[in-house]
């Protein structure tokens, strides 16, 4: 065995990791006792070869008495567990790292990110309380280790949200912004607009909302370009969209920043629209290096894209009310009804199912939630519990994924005295079938502090009224915006008590529930929220104002788009 180990060491030094694995893996699998040095070589080689599970097992098995070396191995294990997206393992390893090095940034970032996906509500609440206290006293490490998209899932205060800065190495400054705003505009009569997104899949919420809008831009006034940053697998999930707009789509997902910038700048955009913000696969560095003389954030991230250079955020007076300006880097562009564009053409129009169709009791109130589990915070569960207590015999219907979330949510309600038969968990299904089953519910319950976005508009489109509560940041005001755009502002409660009381009042008034459902179904193609062409015209008016100001040498400023007649 000595010669094998020597050969493995020589190959390791030469970077031949495949040969190291071929030599050492059989010995380990045969039960041979390998020295720590050989195990480390094998673990590093497996990591290089992206055989992460085997590498993780070895790093966690190393019993190293020296603290500094143990930390090295734990940190390598932590990074591998993060690559494997094993949240429970990440949280466990991060705790071990932080016990030895409390200021380790990576461990704190990974812990804060992955703990939400364990759905251990007791630990999540404890960590959130400690984090909030640290942020409020301007603890730099706590602020630096908080990812903004995770942050808005639990903190609904825009003043606190705005403290979370410097995400993912993003930066821009006054000089870079000034140079970017001096980039040349296009030379033709049409305004050239570039949309940038990594969510170009017909299964993704962003394209589900925008799909029809891309068809409706006025080609006489606007030259629309679409810059695709999506993962390769999304291409096969958006064939209809790509067939319609293939000549407009520029795939830059796999290009280095400099190469992507060279291509985009050669197109001389007037406006670059960031449909991502602080969400997965974003390319904020492109906006910070400068894509167009006007840059605006829209739809992707519900809040200020701190650290990403955008002149405007396209919003409305509900999600970004006057008085919130100090909590945003961008200037407000207020659309006249709702900021959220909705697809009234490709979104399925279905016949609503009944309670009987779904095997639900017809004589009991059914509250529905189809929210992503990451939005179902402890705060949300507490409010829903109060609603169930206020409406005896009512059912709570939820989409079930992942299983760990279902188990934790079920346990919460059972521990608080809710009978198990009152909880209905259903699987995720294709969108048309899902929209049909939403029609069987009596009332939709919103999530807090991060509301349903596409989830809420799906419910309204399906004819299911939704009750929400007034919020204190963009993400907690989204449902308020959508409800007002279907003329149902009456379903926005002022506070927690009013939310519970409103749900109970509606549950006791079947005539009113029927009237609300009828209002949504009969107005599906006339209510402002679902008038896609009208929203697109408002967006175009916004673009025209932005470009006019820029070409006139005027700095960006808050402005409202007048409603079309």
Foldseek 3Di string as FASTA:
>chain_A
DVVLLVVLVVCLVVVVLVSLCVSVVVCVVVVHDDDLVSLQSNLVSCVVVVVLVSSLVSLVPDDDPDLVVNLVSLVVNLVSCVVVVVLVSNLVSLVVNCVSPVLPLVSLLSNLVSVLVLLPQVVNVVVVVVLVVCLVVPPPSSLASDQLVLVQLPDQALVSSLSNACPPNFAADPVLLVVQLPQAADDDQAAEEEEEDQQQACVDLVCQQCVVLVVQFDPVHYHYAYEHQHDPVRCVRRVVSCVVCVVRYHYCNPPDLVVVLVVLSVVRHAEYEYQAQRDPRGDLVNQRNHRHSAYEYANHDQAASHSRDHAEYEFACQQQNPVNVVSHPHFYEHEHAGRGGGAPDPQDDDAADACVVVVHDPPAAEEEDADDLSSAHPVNLVLVLLLCVLGDPHAYEYEDPDPSSVVSSLVVNVVVPDDSVRYHYHYDDDRRVVLRHLLHHQAYEFGPPQTDASRLVSSLLSLHHYAAERTNHNRNRRNCSVCVQLVNNVRYAHDSVRNSVVSSVSSVPVVVSVVSSVSSHVCSCPRRNHVNSQSSVQVVQSSVVSSVCSVVVHRRHHDYRDGDD
